[in-house]
């Protein structure tokens, strides 16, 4: 299929897929003739890309035209829609049009409905930080691609260390691959912890400081994480995951649920033996306090993605959350 739509927040996985698509379509000897990219700041990018896609490739191999961060699946002027209707059905089989964007295509748009008739659509979605089962599977799958065997505890350690950051996971696995060389022995947590820095542990310490309303310690941990160049979005993702887990545990406690297996299932906690510790952690927090914290963290995540000053916003939010939890 000569038309491809790639979307999602996992930019690393998308970059790998695009690199594979380039290798599959293009002949390296003719790449300068047959590979064209159109950045989003080009106001006439879609029309030019469609015209380029209609041009037969030179030499051997195919042609690839890439519309980077194109918005035609979010908004599409009438003149562009007309050009899509005219061009899409007749794009040559050896000429490929790639459309990429972070956002999900809007199913209501005529342009999206039209593209779906001709396009292969692939989603590159980040796994939610609290879906530990899926993250463990992702870590094991990635490790297998490097020829690395992991013990179960080591896989869980890597999930804790990298979260849902695919790029960081692959960088750490490259390091571990060099360490292991050709050995078939499964990598254990003791060896991995010497090579992989686990800042998520500090982010979990931050979550606990907030839970106890300890503003001074929480701000100190924020400063330490920032000084270690820990990305703010990863810190926030860890906090969201932890507060979401606490909230679900508290909800189940409030409803009178006593089965640790049932609570673990609702809170998406892999090991139900952790539940008793989580119950102790939320014992002195009310359901209202936990419900109040989560929207604040989600708003912080949105604000950081929109470009607000990260350190100041993180510090302000941490103080606000500590004040909420301090009332227990």
C-alpha atoms as a PDB file:
ATOM      1  CA  UNK A   1       0.000   0.000   0.000  1.00  0.00           C
ATOM      2  CA  UNK A   2       1.683   3.254  -1.117  1.00  0.00           C
ATOM      3  CA  UNK A   3       0.209   5.538   1.598  1.00  0.00           C
ATOM      4  CA  UNK A   4       1.230   5.304   5.257  1.00  0.00           C
ATOM      5  CA  UNK A   5      -0.099   7.187   8.301  1.00  0.00           C
ATOM      6  CA  UNK A   6       2.030   6.938  11.464  1.00  0.00           C
ATOM      7  CA  UNK A   7       0.823   8.600  14.650  1.00  0.00           C
ATOM      8  CA  UNK A   8       1.494   8.467  18.399  1.00  0.00           C
ATOM      9  CA  UNK A   9       3.660   9.819  21.206  1.00  0.00           C
ATOM     10  CA  UNK A  10       6.345   7.124  21.100  1.00  0.00           C
ATOM     11  CA  UNK A  11       8.652   9.081  18.831  1.00  0.00           C
ATOM     12  CA  UNK A  12      11.510   6.579  19.150  1.00  0.00           C
ATOM     13  CA  UNK A  13       9.412   3.621  17.998  1.00  0.00           C
ATOM     14  CA  UNK A  14       8.062   5.748  15.159  1.00  0.00           C
ATOM     15  CA  UNK A  15      11.589   6.774  14.103  1.00  0.00           C
ATOM     16  CA  UNK A  16      12.608   3.092  13.975  1.00  0.00           C
ATOM     17  CA  UNK A  17       9.552   2.215  11.870  1.00  0.00           C
ATOM     18  CA  UNK A  18      10.246   5.097   9.475  1.00  0.00           C
ATOM     19  CA  UNK A  19      13.887   4.028   9.137  1.00  0.00           C
ATOM     20  CA  UNK A  20      12.722   0.490   8.303  1.00  0.00           C
ATOM     21  CA  UNK A  21      10.252   1.872   5.747  1.00  0.00           C
ATOM     22  CA  UNK A  22      13.030   3.909   4.090  1.00  0.00           C
ATOM     23  CA  UNK A  23      15.277   0.846   3.894  1.00  0.00           C
ATOM     24  CA  UNK A  24      12.442  -1.204   2.432  1.00  0.00           C
ATOM     25  CA  UNK A  25      11.441   1.299  -0.271  1.00  0.00           C
ATOM     26  CA  UNK A  26      14.584   3.178  -1.284  1.00  0.00           C
ATOM     27  CA  UNK A  27      17.662   2.072  -3.179  1.00  0.00           C
ATOM     28  CA  UNK A  28      20.662   3.657  -1.352  1.00  0.00           C
ATOM     29  CA  UNK A  29      22.235   4.577  -4.692  1.00  0.00           C
ATOM     30  CA  UNK A  30      19.188   6.669  -5.663  1.00  0.00           C
ATOM     31  CA  UNK A  31      18.114   7.988  -2.263  1.00  0.00           C
ATOM     32  CA  UNK A  32      18.982  11.634  -3.020  1.00  0.00           C
ATOM     33  CA  UNK A  33      16.634  11.539  -6.033  1.00  0.00           C
ATOM     34  CA  UNK A  34      13.772   9.543  -4.542  1.00  0.00           C
ATOM     35  CA  UNK A  35      13.505  10.648  -0.897  1.00  0.00           C
ATOM     36  CA  UNK A  36      11.830  13.974  -0.060  1.00  0.00           C
ATOM     37  CA  UNK A  37      10.690  15.387   3.295  1.00  0.00           C
ATOM     38  CA  UNK A  38       8.286  18.263   3.867  1.00  0.00           C
ATOM     39  CA  UNK A  39       8.507  19.972   7.289  1.00  0.00           C
ATOM     40  CA  UNK A  40       5.359  21.400   8.929  1.00  0.00           C
ATOM     41  CA  UNK A  41       6.436  25.038   8.448  1.00  0.00           C
ATOM     42  CA  UNK A  42       5.963  24.673   4.672  1.00  0.00           C
ATOM     43  CA  UNK A  43       2.491  26.176   4.130  1.00  0.00           C
ATOM     44  CA  UNK A  44       2.034  24.409   0.792  1.00  0.00           C
ATOM     45  CA  UNK A  45       3.558  21.117   1.948  1.00  0.00           C
ATOM     46  CA  UNK A  46       0.611  18.814   1.249  1.00  0.00           C
ATOM     47  CA  UNK A  47       0.084  19.957  -2.354  1.00  0.00           C
ATOM     48  CA  UNK A  48       3.815  19.780  -3.103  1.00  0.00           C
ATOM     49  CA  UNK A  49       4.095  16.340  -1.471  1.00  0.00           C
ATOM     50  CA  UNK A  50       1.192  14.975  -3.514  1.00  0.00           C
ATOM     51  CA  UNK A  51       2.760  16.295  -6.711  1.00  0.00           C
ATOM     52  CA  UNK A  52       6.082  14.746  -5.724  1.00  0.00           C
ATOM     53  CA  UNK A  53       4.405  11.414  -4.931  1.00  0.00           C
ATOM     54  CA  UNK A  54       2.961  11.362  -8.457  1.00  0.00           C
ATOM     55  CA  UNK A  55       6.452  11.575  -9.951  1.00  0.00           C
ATOM     56  CA  UNK A  56       7.823   8.132 -10.893  1.00  0.00           C
ATOM     57  CA  UNK A  57      11.056   7.238  -9.075  1.00  0.00           C
ATOM     58  CA  UNK A  58      14.412   7.613 -10.815  1.00  0.00           C
ATOM     59  CA  UNK A  59      16.635   4.602 -11.290  1.00  0.00           C
ATOM     60  CA  UNK A  60      15.961   1.519  -9.177  1.00  0.00           C
ATOM     61  CA  UNK A  61      13.930   1.225  -6.006  1.00  0.00           C
ATOM     62  CA  UNK A  62      10.865   3.267  -5.089  1.00  0.00           C
ATOM     63  CA  UNK A  63      10.094   6.827  -4.056  1.00  0.00           C
ATOM     64  CA  UNK A  64       9.278   7.988  -0.501  1.00  0.00           C
ATOM     65  CA  UNK A  65       7.664  11.360   0.255  1.00  0.00           C
ATOM     66  CA  UNK A  66       7.347  12.198   3.966  1.00  0.00           C
ATOM     67  CA  UNK A  67       4.947  14.835   5.340  1.00  0.00           C
ATOM     68  CA  UNK A  68       6.399  15.512   8.809  1.00  0.00           C
ATOM     69  CA  UNK A  69       3.881  16.439  11.540  1.00  0.00           C
ATOM     70  CA  UNK A  70       1.223  17.004   8.892  1.00  0.00           C
ATOM     71  CA  UNK A  71      -2.132  18.271  10.185  1.00  0.00           C
ATOM     72  CA  UNK A  72      -4.402  17.069   7.364  1.00  0.00           C
ATOM     73  CA  UNK A  73      -5.913  14.446   9.680  1.00  0.00           C
ATOM     74  CA  UNK A  74      -6.791  17.183  12.201  1.00  0.00           C
ATOM     75  CA  UNK A  75      -7.842  19.962   9.830  1.00  0.00           C
ATOM     76  CA  UNK A  76      -7.971  20.051   6.056  1.00  0.00           C
ATOM     77  CA  UNK A  77      -8.844  23.035   3.812  1.00  0.00           C
ATOM     78  CA  UNK A  78     -11.208  22.392   0.898  1.00  0.00           C
ATOM     79  CA  UNK A  79      -8.529  22.937  -1.750  1.00  0.00           C
ATOM     80  CA  UNK A  80      -6.266  20.351  -0.071  1.00  0.00           C
ATOM     81  CA  UNK A  81      -9.168  17.901   0.249  1.00  0.00           C
ATOM     82  CA  UNK A  82      -9.892  18.280  -3.469  1.00  0.00           C
ATOM     83  CA  UNK A  83      -6.261  17.564  -4.284  1.00  0.00           C
ATOM     84  CA  UNK A  84      -6.321  14.472  -2.039  1.00  0.00           C
ATOM     85  CA  UNK A  85      -9.470  13.197  -3.786  1.00  0.00           C
ATOM     86  CA  UNK A  86      -7.852  13.689  -7.173  1.00  0.00           C
ATOM     87  CA  UNK A  87      -4.412  12.265  -6.348  1.00  0.00           C
ATOM     88  CA  UNK A  88      -4.717   9.440  -3.804  1.00  0.00           C
ATOM     89  CA  UNK A  89      -6.397   6.902  -6.117  1.00  0.00           C
ATOM     90  CA  UNK A  90      -3.696   7.263  -8.790  1.00  0.00           C
ATOM     91  CA  UNK A  91      -0.434   7.376  -6.811  1.00  0.00           C
ATOM     92  CA  UNK A  92       1.927   4.836  -8.447  1.00  0.00           C
ATOM     93  CA  UNK A  93       2.523   1.588  -6.564  1.00  0.00           C
ATOM     94  CA  UNK A  94       6.284   2.239  -6.354  1.00  0.00           C
ATOM     95  CA  UNK A  95       5.784   5.777  -4.958  1.00  0.00           C
ATOM     96  CA  UNK A  96       4.996   6.005  -1.236  1.00  0.00           C
ATOM     97  CA  UNK A  97       3.485   8.877   0.759  1.00  0.00           C
ATOM     98  CA  UNK A  98       4.164   8.912   4.521  1.00  0.00           C
ATOM     99  CA  UNK A  99       2.135  11.178   6.843  1.00  0.00           C
ATOM    100  CA  UNK A 100       3.263  11.414  10.483  1.00  0.00           C
ATOM    101  CA  UNK A 101       1.797  13.208  13.486  1.00  0.00           C
ATOM    102  CA  UNK A 102       1.672  12.901  17.263  1.00  0.00           C
ATOM    103  CA  UNK A 103      -2.107  13.210  17.394  1.00  0.00           C
ATOM    104  CA  UNK A 104      -4.663  10.570  16.520  1.00  0.00           C
ATOM    105  CA  UNK A 105      -6.388  11.169  13.158  1.00  0.00           C
ATOM    106  CA  UNK A 106      -9.796  12.802  13.585  1.00  0.00           C
ATOM    107  CA  UNK A 107     -12.242  10.167  12.347  1.00  0.00           C
ATOM    108  CA  UNK A 108     -14.906  12.808  11.639  1.00  0.00           C
ATOM    109  CA  UNK A 109     -12.916  14.624   8.959  1.00  0.00           C
ATOM    110  CA  UNK A 110     -13.518  13.930   5.271  1.00  0.00           C
ATOM    111  CA  UNK A 111      -9.758  13.890   4.712  1.00  0.00           C
ATOM    112  CA  UNK A 112      -9.272  11.171   7.355  1.00  0.00           C
ATOM    113  CA  UNK A 113     -12.121   9.066   5.962  1.00  0.00           C
ATOM    114  CA  UNK A 114     -10.613   9.387   2.493  1.00  0.00           C
ATOM    115  CA  UNK A 115      -7.082   8.519   3.636  1.00  0.00           C
ATOM    116  CA  UNK A 116      -8.324   5.440   5.505  1.00  0.00           C
ATOM    117  CA  UNK A 117      -9.499   3.979   2.176  1.00  0.00           C
ATOM    118  CA  UNK A 118      -5.968   4.020   0.776  1.00  0.00           C
ATOM    119  CA  UNK A 119      -3.593   4.110   3.753  1.00  0.00           C
ATOM    120  CA  UNK A 120      -1.888   1.730   6.142  1.00  0.00           C
ATOM    121  CA  UNK A 121      -2.380   3.322   9.594  1.00  0.00           C
ATOM    122  CA  UNK A 122       0.006   2.512  12.452  1.00  0.00           C
ATOM    123  CA  UNK A 123      -0.232   3.717  16.033  1.00  0.00           C
ATOM    124  CA  UNK A 124       2.865   4.302  18.190  1.00  0.00           C
ATOM    125  CA  UNK A 125       1.345   4.656  21.619  1.00  0.00           C
ATOM    126  CA  UNK A 126       3.300   4.976  24.839  1.00  0.00           C
ATOM    127  CA  UNK A 127       2.334   2.349  27.402  1.00  0.00           C
ATOM    128  CA  UNK A 128       0.764   3.944  30.484  1.00  0.00           C
ATOM    129  CA  UNK A 129       3.300   4.003  33.370  1.00  0.00           C
ATOM    130  CA  UNK A 130       0.978   2.035  35.657  1.00  0.00           C
ATOM    131  CA  UNK A 131       0.472  -0.858  33.193  1.00  0.00           C
ATOM    132  CA  UNK A 132       3.425  -2.791  34.540  1.00  0.00           C
ATOM    133  CA  UNK A 133       2.486  -6.090  32.863  1.00  0.00           C
ATOM    134  CA  UNK A 134       2.656  -4.473  29.416  1.00  0.00           C
ATOM    135  CA  UNK A 135       5.871  -2.633  30.306  1.00  0.00           C
ATOM    136  CA  UNK A 136       7.525  -5.879  31.464  1.00  0.00           C
ATOM    137  CA  UNK A 137       6.477  -7.551  28.207  1.00  0.00           C
ATOM    138  CA  UNK A 138       7.860  -4.585  26.232  1.00  0.00           C
ATOM    139  CA  UNK A 139      11.192  -4.805  28.092  1.00  0.00           C
ATOM    140  CA  UNK A 140      11.457  -8.552  27.497  1.00  0.00           C
ATOM    141  CA  UNK A 141      10.576  -8.165  23.801  1.00  0.00           C
ATOM    142  CA  UNK A 142      13.176  -5.418  23.356  1.00  0.00           C
ATOM    143  CA  UNK A 143      15.796  -7.464  25.237  1.00  0.00           C
ATOM    144  CA  UNK A 144      15.121 -10.445  22.969  1.00  0.00           C
ATOM    145  CA  UNK A 145      15.794  -8.258  19.919  1.00  0.00           C
ATOM    146  CA  UNK A 146      19.268  -7.617  21.405  1.00  0.00           C
ATOM    147  CA  UNK A 147      19.780 -11.298  22.189  1.00  0.00           C
ATOM    148  CA  UNK A 148      19.606 -10.602  25.936  1.00  0.00           C
ATOM    149  CA  UNK A 149      17.907 -12.920  28.420  1.00  0.00           C
ATOM    150  CA  UNK A 150      16.559 -11.284  31.588  1.00  0.00           C
ATOM    151  CA  UNK A 151      15.553 -12.741  34.913  1.00  0.00           C
ATOM    152  CA  UNK A 152      12.036 -11.733  35.959  1.00  0.00           C
ATOM    153  CA  UNK A 153      13.376  -9.453  38.716  1.00  0.00           C
ATOM    154  CA  UNK A 154      15.777  -7.829  36.261  1.00  0.00           C
ATOM    155  CA  UNK A 155      12.935  -7.091  33.819  1.00  0.00           C
ATOM    156  CA  UNK A 156      10.951  -5.470  36.632  1.00  0.00           C
ATOM    157  CA  UNK A 157      14.027  -3.439  37.624  1.00  0.00           C
ATOM    158  CA  UNK A 158      14.402  -2.132  34.068  1.00  0.00           C
ATOM    159  CA  UNK A 159      10.704  -1.186  33.992  1.00  0.00           C
ATOM    160  CA  UNK A 160      11.218   0.748  37.206  1.00  0.00           C
ATOM    161  CA  UNK A 161      14.355   2.416  35.794  1.00  0.00           C
ATOM    162  CA  UNK A 162      13.125   3.445  32.333  1.00  0.00           C
ATOM    163  CA  UNK A 163       9.323   3.509  32.668  1.00  0.00           C
ATOM    164  CA  UNK A 164       7.702   3.846  29.247  1.00  0.00           C
ATOM    165  CA  UNK A 165      10.652   5.697  27.676  1.00  0.00           C
ATOM    166  CA  UNK A 166      11.416   3.453  24.676  1.00  0.00           C
ATOM    167  CA  UNK A 167      14.485   5.440  23.621  1.00  0.00           C
ATOM    168  CA  UNK A 168      16.051   5.165  27.075  1.00  0.00           C
ATOM    169  CA  UNK A 169      15.237   1.433  27.200  1.00  0.00           C
ATOM    170  CA  UNK A 170      17.075   0.757  23.927  1.00  0.00           C
ATOM    171  CA  UNK A 171      20.051   2.877  25.018  1.00  0.00           C
ATOM    172  CA  UNK A 172      20.330   0.903  28.262  1.00  0.00           C
ATOM    173  CA  UNK A 173      19.968  -2.425  26.433  1.00  0.00           C
ATOM    174  CA  UNK A 174      22.804  -1.477  24.065  1.00  0.00           C
ATOM    175  CA  UNK A 175      24.990  -0.888  27.124  1.00  0.00           C
ATOM    176  CA  UNK A 176      23.956  -4.199  28.669  1.00  0.00           C
ATOM    177  CA  UNK A 177      24.579  -6.027  25.380  1.00  0.00           C
ATOM    178  CA  UNK A 178      28.188  -4.816  25.377  1.00  0.00           C
ATOM    179  CA  UNK A 179      28.570  -5.931  28.985  1.00  0.00           C
ATOM    180  CA  UNK A 180      27.204  -9.420  28.308  1.00  0.00           C
ATOM    181  CA  UNK A 181      28.983  -9.940  24.968  1.00  0.00           C
ATOM    182  CA  UNK A 182      28.143 -13.478  23.784  1.00  0.00           C
ATOM    183  CA  UNK A 183      27.156 -15.059  27.092  1.00  0.00           C
ATOM    184  CA  UNK A 184      23.846 -16.939  27.214  1.00  0.00           C
ATOM    185  CA  UNK A 185      23.492 -16.445  30.957  1.00  0.00           C
ATOM    186  CA  UNK A 186      20.348 -14.460  31.897  1.00  0.00           C
ATOM    187  CA  UNK A 187      21.099 -10.966  33.169  1.00  0.00           C
ATOM    188  CA  UNK A 188      20.304 -10.611  36.875  1.00  0.00           C
ATOM    189  CA  UNK A 189      19.261  -7.527  38.816  1.00  0.00           C
ATOM    190  CA  UNK A 190      22.613  -7.270  40.622  1.00  0.00           C
ATOM    191  CA  UNK A 191      24.532  -6.832  37.354  1.00  0.00           C
ATOM    192  CA  UNK A 192      21.904  -4.540  35.782  1.00  0.00           C
ATOM    193  CA  UNK A 193      21.787  -2.211  38.786  1.00  0.00           C
ATOM    194  CA  UNK A 194      25.531  -1.555  38.436  1.00  0.00           C
ATOM    195  CA  UNK A 195      25.069  -0.342  34.844  1.00  0.00           C
ATOM    196  CA  UNK A 196      21.577   1.183  34.725  1.00  0.00           C
ATOM    197  CA  UNK A 197      20.839   4.349  36.663  1.00  0.00           C
ATOM    198  CA  UNK A 198      17.460   4.116  38.382  1.00  0.00           C
ATOM    199  CA  UNK A 199      16.114   7.617  38.899  1.00  0.00           C
ATOM    200  CA  UNK A 200      12.554   6.307  39.103  1.00  0.00           C
ATOM    201  CA  UNK A 201      13.452   5.121  42.602  1.00  0.00           C
ATOM    202  CA  UNK A 202      14.107   8.747  43.550  1.00  0.00           C
ATOM    203  CA  UNK A 203      10.840   9.777  41.892  1.00  0.00           C
ATOM    204  CA  UNK A 204       9.049   7.202  44.056  1.00  0.00           C
ATOM    205  CA  UNK A 205      10.810   8.695  47.091  1.00  0.00           C
ATOM    206  CA  UNK A 206       9.446  12.048  45.948  1.00  0.00           C
ATOM    207  CA  UNK A 207       5.925  10.577  45.775  1.00  0.00           C
ATOM    208  CA  UNK A 208       6.301   9.302  49.338  1.00  0.00           C
ATOM    209  CA  UNK A 209       7.580  12.671  50.594  1.00  0.00           C
ATOM    210  CA  UNK A 210       4.527  14.333  49.015  1.00  0.00           C
ATOM    211  CA  UNK A 211       2.235  11.682  50.541  1.00  0.00           C
ATOM    212  CA  UNK A 212       3.599  12.537  53.991  1.00  0.00           C
ATOM    213  CA  UNK A 213       3.309  16.276  53.354  1.00  0.00           C
ATOM    214  CA  UNK A 214       7.058  16.757  53.846  1.00  0.00           C
ATOM    215  CA  UNK A 215       7.552  19.856  51.678  1.00  0.00           C
ATOM    216  CA  UNK A 216      11.240  20.349  52.506  1.00  0.00           C
ATOM    217  CA  UNK A 217      12.242  16.788  51.628  1.00  0.00           C
ATOM    218  CA  UNK A 218      10.060  16.813  48.504  1.00  0.00           C
ATOM    219  CA  UNK A 219      11.655  20.012  47.169  1.00  0.00           C
ATOM    220  CA  UNK A 220      15.117  18.619  47.956  1.00  0.00           C
ATOM    221  CA  UNK A 221      14.319  15.473  45.930  1.00  0.00           C
ATOM    222  CA  UNK A 222      13.010  17.619  43.042  1.00  0.00           C
ATOM    223  CA  UNK A 223      16.273  19.593  43.027  1.00  0.00           C
ATOM    224  CA  UNK A 224      18.308  16.365  43.105  1.00  0.00           C
ATOM    225  CA  UNK A 225      16.370  14.864  40.188  1.00  0.00           C
ATOM    226  CA  UNK A 226      16.678  18.045  38.112  1.00  0.00           C
ATOM    227  CA  UNK A 227      20.418  18.277  38.860  1.00  0.00           C
ATOM    228  CA  UNK A 228      20.782  14.696  37.595  1.00  0.00           C
ATOM    229  CA  UNK A 229      19.085  15.795  34.333  1.00  0.00           C
ATOM    230  CA  UNK A 230      16.060  13.586  34.924  1.00  0.00           C
ATOM    231  CA  UNK A 231      13.375  14.650  32.378  1.00  0.00           C
ATOM    232  CA  UNK A 232      10.473  16.420  34.094  1.00  0.00           C
ATOM    233  CA  UNK A 233       7.917  14.396  32.141  1.00  0.00           C
ATOM    234  CA  UNK A 234       9.402  11.150  33.472  1.00  0.00           C
ATOM    235  CA  UNK A 235       9.200  12.473  37.038  1.00  0.00           C
ATOM    236  CA  UNK A 236       5.574  13.463  36.511  1.00  0.00           C
ATOM    237  CA  UNK A 237       4.739  10.124  34.849  1.00  0.00           C
ATOM    238  CA  UNK A 238       6.088   8.267  37.890  1.00  0.00           C
ATOM    239  CA  UNK A 239       4.098  10.503  40.260  1.00  0.00           C
ATOM    240  CA  UNK A 240       0.915  10.009  38.233  1.00  0.00           C
ATOM    241  CA  UNK A 241       1.400   6.250  38.219  1.00  0.00           C
ATOM    242  CA  UNK A 242       2.022   6.121  41.979  1.00  0.00           C
ATOM    243  CA  UNK A 243      -0.890   8.397  42.914  1.00  0.00           C
ATOM    244  CA  UNK A 244      -3.192   6.490  40.580  1.00  0.00           C
ATOM    245  CA  UNK A 245      -2.212   3.222  42.304  1.00  0.00           C
ATOM    246  CA  UNK A 246      -2.784   4.756  45.738  1.00  0.00           C
ATOM    247  CA  UNK A 247      -6.164   6.088  44.625  1.00  0.00           C
ATOM    248  CA  UNK A 248      -7.361   2.685  43.392  1.00  0.00           C
ATOM    249  CA  UNK A 249      -6.165   0.970  46.560  1.00  0.00           C
ATOM    250  CA  UNK A 250      -8.022   3.550  48.668  1.00  0.00           C
ATOM    251  CA  UNK A 251     -11.198   3.225  46.582  1.00  0.00           C
ATOM    252  CA  UNK A 252     -11.181  -0.549  47.049  1.00  0.00           C
ATOM    253  CA  UNK A 253     -10.562  -0.151  50.784  1.00  0.00           C
ATOM    254  CA  UNK A 254     -13.443   2.315  51.073  1.00  0.00           C
ATOM    255  CA  UNK A 255     -15.788  -0.118  49.326  1.00  0.00           C
ATOM    256  CA  UNK A 256     -14.902  -2.773  51.909  1.00  0.00           C
ATOM    257  CA  UNK A 257     -12.869  -5.028  49.604  1.00  0.00           C
ATOM    258  CA  UNK A 258     -10.514  -7.254  51.618  1.00  0.00           C
ATOM    259  CA  UNK A 259      -9.085  -9.548  48.970  1.00  0.00           C
ATOM    260  CA  UNK A 260      -5.536  -8.464  48.109  1.00  0.00           C
ATOM    261  CA  UNK A 261      -5.862 -10.202  44.728  1.00  0.00           C
ATOM    262  CA  UNK A 262      -8.985  -8.203  43.858  1.00  0.00           C
ATOM    263  CA  UNK A 263      -7.382  -4.926  44.961  1.00  0.00           C
ATOM    264  CA  UNK A 264      -4.214  -5.746  42.999  1.00  0.00           C
ATOM    265  CA  UNK A 265      -6.303  -6.461  39.889  1.00  0.00           C
ATOM    266  CA  UNK A 266      -8.190  -3.161  40.161  1.00  0.00           C
ATOM    267  CA  UNK A 267      -5.018  -1.158  40.843  1.00  0.00           C
ATOM    268  CA  UNK A 268      -3.062  -3.055  38.147  1.00  0.00           C
ATOM    269  CA  UNK A 269      -0.405  -4.117  40.659  1.00  0.00           C
ATOM    270  CA  UNK A 270       1.413  -7.241  39.454  1.00  0.00           C
ATOM    271  CA  UNK A 271       2.349  -8.594  42.873  1.00  0.00           C
ATOM    272  CA  UNK A 272      -0.636  -8.786  45.214  1.00  0.00           C
ATOM    273  CA  UNK A 273       1.752  -9.074  48.182  1.00  0.00           C
ATOM    274  CA  UNK A 274       2.503  -5.359  47.684  1.00  0.00           C
ATOM    275  CA  UNK A 275      -1.087  -4.461  48.538  1.00  0.00           C
ATOM    276  CA  UNK A 276      -0.625  -4.591  52.306  1.00  0.00           C
ATOM    277  CA  UNK A 277       2.221  -2.068  52.043  1.00  0.00           C
ATOM    278  CA  UNK A 278       0.170   0.185  49.771  1.00  0.00           C
ATOM    279  CA  UNK A 279      -2.720  -0.001  52.218  1.00  0.00           C
ATOM    280  CA  UNK A 280      -0.409   1.157  54.994  1.00  0.00           C
ATOM    281  CA  UNK A 281       0.805   4.030  52.825  1.00  0.00           C
ATOM    282  CA  UNK A 282      -2.710   5.388  52.183  1.00  0.00           C
ATOM    283  CA  UNK A 283      -4.077   4.640  55.670  1.00  0.00           C
ATOM    284  CA  UNK A 284      -3.898   8.264  56.791  1.00  0.00           C
ATOM    285  CA  UNK A 285      -4.883   9.820  53.457  1.00  0.00           C
ATOM    286  CA  UNK A 286      -8.543  10.392  52.633  1.00  0.00           C
ATOM    287  CA  UNK A 287     -10.123   9.458  49.337  1.00  0.00           C
ATOM    288  CA  UNK A 288     -10.839  13.154  48.761  1.00  0.00           C
ATOM    289  CA  UNK A 289      -7.139  14.036  49.151  1.00  0.00           C
ATOM    290  CA  UNK A 290      -6.041  11.442  46.601  1.00  0.00           C
ATOM    291  CA  UNK A 291      -8.789  12.460  44.172  1.00  0.00           C
ATOM    292  CA  UNK A 292      -7.641  16.088  44.542  1.00  0.00           C
ATOM    293  CA  UNK A 293      -3.997  15.254  43.759  1.00  0.00           C
ATOM    294  CA  UNK A 294      -4.416  13.392  40.469  1.00  0.00           C
ATOM    295  CA  UNK A 295      -5.956  16.237  38.366  1.00  0.00           C
ATOM    296  CA  UNK A 296      -3.180  18.560  39.563  1.00  0.00           C
ATOM    297  CA  UNK A 297      -0.532  16.126  38.329  1.00  0.00           C
ATOM    298  CA  UNK A 298      -2.327  15.610  35.014  1.00  0.00           C
ATOM    299  CA  UNK A 299      -2.538  19.389  34.540  1.00  0.00           C
ATOM    300  CA  UNK A 300       1.200  19.662  35.269  1.00  0.00           C
ATOM    301  CA  UNK A 301       1.907  17.032  32.591  1.00  0.00           C
ATOM    302  CA  UNK A 302      -0.127  19.009  30.026  1.00  0.00           C
ATOM    303  CA  UNK A 303       1.560  22.293  30.996  1.00  0.00           C
ATOM    304  CA  UNK A 304       5.062  20.828  30.641  1.00  0.00           C
ATOM    305  CA  UNK A 305       4.171  19.429  27.211  1.00  0.00           C
ATOM    306  CA  UNK A 306       2.983  22.917  26.231  1.00  0.00           C
ATOM    307  CA  UNK A 307       6.333  24.465  27.170  1.00  0.00           C
ATOM    308  CA  UNK A 308       5.930  26.073  30.605  1.00  0.00           C
ATOM    309  CA  UNK A 309       9.116  26.486  32.735  1.00  0.00           C
ATOM    310  CA  UNK A 310       9.563  22.928  33.958  1.00  0.00           C
ATOM    311  CA  UNK A 311      11.493  23.323  37.216  1.00  0.00           C
ATOM    312  CA  UNK A 312       9.347  26.150  38.581  1.00  0.00           C
ATOM    313  CA  UNK A 313       6.109  24.377  37.630  1.00  0.00           C
ATOM    314  CA  UNK A 314       7.289  21.118  39.217  1.00  0.00           C
ATOM    315  CA  UNK A 315       8.288  22.876  42.430  1.00  0.00           C
ATOM    316  CA  UNK A 316       5.007  24.815  42.651  1.00  0.00           C
ATOM    317  CA  UNK A 317       2.957  21.672  42.067  1.00  0.00           C
ATOM    318  CA  UNK A 318       4.932  19.679  44.646  1.00  0.00           C
ATOM    319  CA  UNK A 319       4.288  22.377  47.265  1.00  0.00           C
ATOM    320  CA  UNK A 320       0.574  22.353  46.404  1.00  0.00           C
ATOM    321  CA  UNK A 321       0.376  18.556  46.657  1.00  0.00           C
ATOM    322  CA  UNK A 322       2.255  18.529  49.967  1.00  0.00           C
ATOM    323  CA  UNK A 323      -0.229  21.041  51.364  1.00  0.00           C
ATOM    324  CA  UNK A 324      -3.135  18.784  50.321  1.00  0.00           C
ATOM    325  CA  UNK A 325      -1.554  15.683  51.883  1.00  0.00           C
ATOM    326  CA  UNK A 326      -0.390  17.542  55.005  1.00  0.00           C
ATOM    327  CA  UNK A 327      -3.992  17.897  56.189  1.00  0.00           C
ATOM    328  CA  UNK A 328      -4.208  14.192  57.018  1.00  0.00           C
END
